[in-house]
Every structure is written in C-alpha cells, then in structure tokens.
Protein backbone atom coordinates (compact mmCIF):
# COMPACT_ATOMS: atom_id res chain seq x y z
CA UNK A 1 -22.23 -26.45 20.99
CA UNK A 2 -20.10 -28.29 23.50
CA UNK A 3 -17.37 -30.21 21.70
CA UNK A 4 -17.44 -33.24 23.97
CA UNK A 5 -18.26 -36.20 21.72
CA UNK A 6 -18.20 -34.10 18.55
CA UNK A 7 -16.04 -34.57 15.45
CA UNK A 8 -14.05 -31.50 14.44
CA UNK A 9 -12.08 -30.99 11.22
CA UNK A 10 -9.29 -28.42 11.54
CA UNK A 11 -7.09 -27.21 8.69
CA UNK A 12 -3.54 -26.17 9.45
CA UNK A 13 -3.52 -28.61 12.37
CA UNK A 14 0.19 -29.28 12.01
CA UNK A 15 1.37 -26.13 13.76
CA UNK A 16 0.51 -22.76 15.27
CA UNK A 17 -3.11 -21.90 15.96
CA UNK A 18 -4.37 -25.02 14.21
CA UNK A 19 -2.32 -27.29 16.44
CA UNK A 20 -3.36 -25.40 19.55
CA UNK A 21 -7.04 -25.55 18.60
CA UNK A 22 -6.60 -29.28 18.08
CA UNK A 23 -5.10 -29.65 21.56
CA UNK A 24 -7.95 -27.60 23.07
CA UNK A 25 -10.67 -29.53 21.25
CA UNK A 26 -9.21 -32.90 22.25
CA UNK A 27 -8.98 -31.72 25.88
CA UNK A 28 -12.71 -30.89 25.73
CA UNK A 29 -13.62 -34.40 24.59
CA UNK A 30 -13.78 -33.93 20.81
CA UNK A 31 -12.33 -36.14 18.11
CA UNK A 32 -10.26 -34.11 15.67
CA UNK A 33 -9.37 -34.80 12.05
CA UNK A 34 -6.41 -32.60 11.20
CA UNK A 35 -5.60 -31.42 7.69
CA UNK A 36 -2.23 -29.96 6.75
CA UNK A 37 0.18 -29.79 3.83
CA UNK A 38 3.12 -30.85 6.00
CA UNK A 39 3.01 -34.50 7.12
CA UNK A 40 5.93 -34.12 9.54
CA UNK A 41 4.06 -31.36 11.37
CA UNK A 42 0.92 -33.49 11.57
CA UNK A 43 2.97 -36.35 12.98
CA UNK A 44 4.38 -34.00 15.59
CA UNK A 45 0.85 -32.91 16.55
CA UNK A 46 -0.15 -36.57 16.85
CA UNK A 47 2.90 -37.25 19.03
CA UNK A 48 2.07 -34.33 21.34
CA UNK A 49 -1.53 -35.51 21.70
CA UNK A 50 -0.94 -39.25 22.00
CA UNK A 51 -4.67 -39.75 21.49
CA UNK A 52 -6.70 -42.14 19.35
CA UNK A 53 -9.20 -39.29 18.99
CA UNK A 54 -6.83 -37.57 16.59
CA UNK A 55 -6.45 -38.59 12.96
CA UNK A 56 -5.10 -36.65 10.02
CA UNK A 57 -4.70 -36.35 6.27
CA UNK A 58 -2.06 -34.61 4.21
CA UNK A 59 -3.80 -32.25 1.81
CA UNK A 60 -3.39 -28.96 0.02
CA UNK A 61 -6.66 -27.13 0.65
CA UNK A 62 -6.17 -25.25 -2.63
CA UNK A 63 -6.48 -28.60 -4.44
CA UNK A 64 -10.23 -28.88 -5.02
CA UNK A 65 -10.18 -32.55 -6.00
CA UNK A 66 -8.11 -33.51 -2.95
CA UNK A 67 -10.43 -31.59 -0.63
CA UNK A 68 -13.48 -33.23 -2.19
CA UNK A 69 -12.15 -36.60 -1.02
CA UNK A 70 -11.69 -35.53 2.61
CA UNK A 71 -15.26 -36.00 3.90
CA UNK A 72 -15.19 -39.72 3.07
CA UNK A 73 -11.90 -40.05 4.96
CA UNK A 74 -13.34 -38.30 8.02
CA UNK A 75 -16.52 -40.39 7.93
CA UNK A 76 -14.53 -43.59 7.55
CA UNK A 77 -12.51 -42.73 10.66
CA UNK A 78 -15.04 -41.11 12.97
CA UNK A 79 -18.45 -41.78 11.40
CA UNK A 80 -19.60 -38.15 11.33
CA UNK A 81 -18.47 -34.54 11.10
CA UNK A 82 -19.94 -31.78 13.29
CA UNK A 83 -17.55 -28.83 13.00
CA UNK A 84 -15.22 -27.57 10.27
CA UNK A 85 -12.58 -25.00 11.18
CA UNK A 86 -10.93 -23.26 8.23
CA UNK A 87 -7.75 -22.07 9.86
CA UNK A 88 -4.92 -22.73 7.36
CA UNK A 89 -3.49 -19.63 5.74
CA UNK A 90 -0.32 -18.03 4.41
CA UNK A 91 1.09 -14.53 4.05
CA UNK A 92 2.72 -12.97 1.00
CA UNK A 93 6.29 -11.71 0.63
CA UNK A 94 6.63 -8.30 2.33
CA UNK A 95 6.66 -6.23 -0.86
CA UNK A 96 4.43 -3.64 -2.45
CA UNK A 97 1.82 -4.75 -4.98
CA UNK A 98 3.91 -3.15 -7.71
CA UNK A 99 6.73 -5.58 -6.90
CA UNK A 100 4.63 -8.65 -6.09
CA UNK A 101 4.69 -11.43 -8.66
CA UNK A 102 1.43 -12.87 -9.95
CA UNK A 103 2.45 -16.36 -8.81
CA UNK A 104 2.53 -15.09 -5.22
CA UNK A 105 -0.81 -13.32 -5.63
CA UNK A 106 -2.42 -16.47 -7.02
CA UNK A 107 -0.93 -18.67 -4.29
CA UNK A 108 -2.18 -16.47 -1.45
CA UNK A 109 -5.69 -16.28 -2.90
CA UNK A 110 -5.73 -20.02 -3.65
CA UNK A 111 -4.87 -20.98 -0.07
CA UNK A 112 -6.54 -18.23 1.95
CA UNK A 113 -9.79 -17.82 0.02
CA UNK A 114 -10.27 -20.75 -2.35
CA UNK A 115 -9.16 -23.15 0.39
CA UNK A 116 -12.02 -22.32 2.79
CA UNK A 117 -14.48 -22.27 -0.11
CA UNK A 118 -13.30 -25.74 -1.18
CA UNK A 119 -13.68 -27.03 2.38
CA UNK A 120 -17.16 -25.57 2.80
CA UNK A 121 -18.34 -26.96 -0.53
CA UNK A 122 -16.99 -30.39 0.38
CA UNK A 123 -18.29 -30.61 3.95
CA UNK A 124 -21.48 -28.52 4.02
CA UNK A 125 -23.73 -31.27 2.59
CA UNK A 126 -22.65 -33.49 5.50
CA UNK A 127 -22.98 -30.74 8.11
CA UNK A 128 -26.55 -30.03 6.99
CA UNK A 129 -27.48 -33.60 7.91
CA UNK A 130 -26.40 -33.14 11.53
CA UNK A 131 -28.85 -32.00 14.24
CA UNK A 132 -26.33 -29.28 15.13
CA UNK A 133 -23.19 -28.30 13.25
CA UNK A 134 -20.82 -25.41 12.83
CA UNK A 135 -18.37 -23.77 10.45
CA UNK A 136 -15.63 -21.50 11.80
CA UNK A 137 -13.64 -19.44 9.32
CA UNK A 138 -10.45 -17.66 10.38
CA UNK A 139 -10.08 -14.22 8.82
CA UNK A 140 -7.57 -11.69 10.18
CA UNK A 141 -7.13 -8.27 11.68
CA UNK A 142 -5.56 -7.56 8.28
CA UNK A 143 -9.03 -7.76 6.72
CA UNK A 144 -9.90 -4.33 8.16
CA UNK A 145 -6.53 -2.87 9.18
CA UNK A 146 -4.36 -2.68 6.04
CA UNK A 147 -0.71 -3.66 6.43
CA UNK A 148 1.74 -2.34 3.80
CA UNK A 149 3.43 -5.22 2.03
CA UNK A 150 0.50 -7.52 2.88
CA UNK A 151 -2.16 -6.03 0.62
CA UNK A 152 -3.07 -9.27 -1.15
CA UNK A 153 -3.04 -11.19 2.13
CA UNK A 154 -5.44 -8.60 3.58
CA UNK A 155 -7.64 -8.81 0.49
CA UNK A 156 -7.81 -12.60 0.79
CA UNK A 157 -8.84 -12.35 4.44
CA UNK A 158 -11.40 -9.65 3.64
CA UNK A 159 -12.83 -12.06 1.07
CA UNK A 160 -13.05 -14.73 3.78
CA UNK A 161 -14.88 -12.20 5.97
CA UNK A 162 -17.62 -11.45 3.45
CA UNK A 163 -17.83 -15.08 2.33
CA UNK A 164 -18.46 -16.07 5.93
CA UNK A 165 -21.05 -13.38 6.48
CA UNK A 166 -22.91 -14.39 3.32
CA UNK A 167 -22.70 -18.05 4.27
CA UNK A 168 -24.16 -17.28 7.69
CA UNK A 169 -27.10 -15.51 6.07
CA UNK A 170 -27.76 -18.45 3.75
CA UNK A 171 -27.74 -20.86 6.70
CA UNK A 172 -30.02 -18.92 9.08
CA UNK A 173 -32.84 -21.46 8.70
CA UNK A 174 -30.61 -24.52 9.06
CA UNK A 175 -28.89 -26.36 11.90
CA UNK A 176 -25.46 -25.03 10.87
CA UNK A 177 -24.01 -22.09 12.81
CA UNK A 178 -21.20 -19.93 11.44
CA UNK A 179 -18.39 -18.25 13.39
CA UNK A 180 -16.00 -15.64 11.99
CA UNK A 181 -12.67 -15.29 13.80
CA UNK A 182 -10.26 -12.34 13.61
CA UNK A 183 -6.81 -13.08 15.04
CA UNK A 184 -4.54 -10.16 15.76
CA UNK A 185 -0.78 -10.54 16.14
CA UNK A 186 -0.30 -14.14 17.31
CA UNK A 187 3.02 -15.65 18.30
CA UNK A 188 3.28 -18.20 15.47
CA UNK A 189 5.72 -18.85 12.64
CA UNK A 190 3.36 -17.89 9.82
CA UNK A 191 6.20 -16.54 7.68
CA UNK A 192 8.11 -19.82 7.80
CA UNK A 193 4.93 -21.80 7.24
CA UNK A 194 4.26 -19.62 4.20
CA UNK A 195 7.61 -20.64 2.74
CA UNK A 196 9.13 -17.20 3.29
CA UNK A 197 12.56 -16.27 4.59
CA UNK A 198 12.19 -12.90 6.22
CA UNK A 199 15.18 -10.63 5.62
CA UNK A 200 14.47 -7.83 8.06
CA UNK A 201 16.29 -4.49 8.07
CA UNK A 202 18.59 -3.55 10.93
CA UNK A 203 16.65 -2.85 14.11
CA UNK A 204 13.48 -4.57 12.91
CA UNK A 205 13.89 -7.49 15.32
CA UNK A 206 14.07 -5.13 18.27
CA UNK A 207 11.03 -3.23 17.05
CA UNK A 208 9.08 -6.44 16.58
CA UNK A 209 10.02 -7.63 20.07
CA UNK A 210 8.36 -4.53 21.51
CA UNK A 211 5.07 -5.33 19.78
CA UNK A 212 2.86 -7.38 22.04
CA UNK A 213 1.62 -10.63 20.55
CA UNK A 214 -0.98 -13.03 21.88
CA UNK A 215 0.49 -16.40 22.95
CA UNK A 216 -0.68 -19.19 20.66
CA UNK A 217 -2.00 -21.12 23.67
CA UNK A 218 -4.28 -18.21 24.56
CA UNK A 219 -5.35 -17.82 20.94
CA UNK A 220 -6.30 -21.48 20.63
CA UNK A 221 -8.41 -21.34 23.77
CA UNK A 222 -10.22 -18.18 22.65
CA UNK A 223 -11.01 -19.67 19.25
CA UNK A 224 -12.32 -22.97 20.60
CA UNK A 225 -14.42 -21.17 23.21
CA UNK A 226 -15.89 -18.98 20.45
CA UNK A 227 -16.92 -22.15 18.63
CA UNK A 228 -18.39 -23.76 21.73
CA UNK A 229 -20.35 -20.57 22.47
CA UNK A 230 -21.46 -20.32 18.81
CA UNK A 231 -20.35 -16.69 18.61
CA UNK A 232 -20.99 -15.00 15.26
CA UNK A 233 -17.69 -13.07 15.61
CA UNK A 234 -14.64 -13.41 17.82
CA UNK A 235 -11.53 -11.27 18.14
CA UNK A 236 -8.29 -12.92 19.23
CA UNK A 237 -6.09 -10.44 21.05
CA UNK A 238 -6.73 -6.94 22.34
CA UNK A 239 -5.08 -5.49 19.23
CA UNK A 240 -7.65 -7.10 16.93
CA UNK A 241 -10.59 -5.85 19.00
CA UNK A 242 -9.17 -2.33 19.40
CA UNK A 243 -8.27 -1.85 15.73
CA UNK A 244 -11.70 -3.06 14.65
CA UNK A 245 -13.31 -0.21 16.56
CA UNK A 246 -10.79 2.46 15.60
CA UNK A 247 -10.69 1.47 11.91
CA UNK A 248 -14.44 2.02 11.65
CA UNK A 249 -14.10 5.57 12.96
CA UNK A 250 -10.78 6.64 11.44
CA UNK A 251 -9.83 4.25 8.62
CA UNK A 252 -7.26 6.52 6.93
CA UNK A 253 -5.59 7.50 10.18
CA UNK A 254 -5.32 3.87 11.27
CA UNK A 255 -3.82 2.93 7.90
CA UNK A 256 -1.23 5.72 8.26
CA UNK A 257 -0.29 4.62 11.79
CA UNK A 258 0.18 1.02 10.67
CA UNK A 259 2.20 2.16 7.67
CA UNK A 260 4.58 4.17 9.84
CA UNK A 261 5.08 1.16 12.12
CA UNK A 262 5.56 -1.39 9.37
CA UNK A 263 7.19 0.44 6.46
CA UNK A 264 10.69 -0.68 7.46
CA UNK A 265 9.68 -4.27 6.65
CA UNK A 266 9.14 -3.40 3.00
CA UNK A 267 11.93 -4.41 0.69
C-alpha cells in the first residue's frame, strides 16, 4: 500500500519513532492524524511539519472511552482512515519484579497492551470498509529477548506480538493487512517519555554509549517502508534481527548474556 493520498493514524506522534514515522508518511503524500498524551509535543510535531495534512488529538490510549471517540475526529478531519499505527509505549522502572509496584505493572500493561487493543477495537470497523487498509503494531525486541528490570515491559510487548499474530489470522479474508514491528535499541528518550528519571550507576553512561543504537530517522523510514510493502514482520535495527535468530536457538544463553550486560542498571 503506497501511502500517497492515504490517511494514517499514528499513536505517540509527539516524539521519537512516532514523530519520525509521521514525518516519513507526510513526505510520501499521506495525511496523518497524530495521537499523543502530550499536547506540547504534538504542537512541536505540527511546527516541524508545517503541513495542513497533519492534524492531532490529545488522548491517553489507555482510556477506552477517549479512544472510542477518535475515529469520528479523524473522519471529520480527513474523511477516511486507511492505516492505524499503534506505536505509543512506555517502559517500567528498572527494578526486579519483586520490587516493582503494582501501579507500575498496571500502567505498563494499560498503555502497551490495552492501548493497541483499544485502538484496534475503535478503528477496525472503519478499516474493514476500505478497499485496502492496514494495521501496524509496534512490539519490541524485548518481546523475545528478556531484559532484567524490564520483565513486565517485555511481557506487554510479547502480548502485543501474539495479539497481532492472532489479529492477522482473523483478517486473512478481509482487505485489512497486519504488520508486526520489532524495534531494537533506538535512539529515543523512552525513559523520559515514560515519566522515569533514570539514576544510573557509575560507569553506566559510558557503557551505554558503547552500545550501538539505530538513529530514530532510520527507524522511522524502516517502519514506514514496512507498512508500504505490507510486510507481515519487520525488524528495526541489526540487533533486533540478530537476537531474534539467536534467541530461537539459544534462549537461555541469550538471556544470560543480556543479564550480564544490563544488570548494573538494576537498582
């Protein structure tokens, strides 16, 4: 599906990968309706774009009633909706499950899993009316490569993975295609956007600087191209693709390697 002339809804459009996907989609001729919890960030995205093909709404995707109202807002602005990209997500505090509070567990699951479900339930009836439509759900490398201190985050993204696979199966005989995206380490401020202040141990900054991340501009392009090519799965970054293969062959060994690299981040 070429995005020229299409209407795309993108969650998390106020920053990071969501903003970059918005920029890419607009550059390819799409109209984009951005959804984000932070109005100032959405305004900044609008300022960067300077395009009347971008509109937005402030919404918490975990709020089912608020999400249910979004399709009417998109239709009122652009007259149709062709693609929904469920990108918005948050991480948890870097602590072990034993030390993680239930409020943080519930918040991560509400945003990362319930959010995409809410969006799909709200928009799918409209997508099914289109001659061609698409849903793209952003999972994570953390869905198959466990990171210590991010166990609930990984579980939420694994839930998105299976939800997307099941949704694809249910939609085989329809006009709606489904794409599942696995970002690796992307150069975004996901911790800050998750409302977390990272207090890293001595030397952690230097260690993190040595870890190669994919530039957000590259990530946005890969994700939009995956949508245009209607790929069933797409990996963003060589780390995501490599760990997918290795984790299938040596899951325990991969988990141990990641633990040794990341354990200093645990409080």
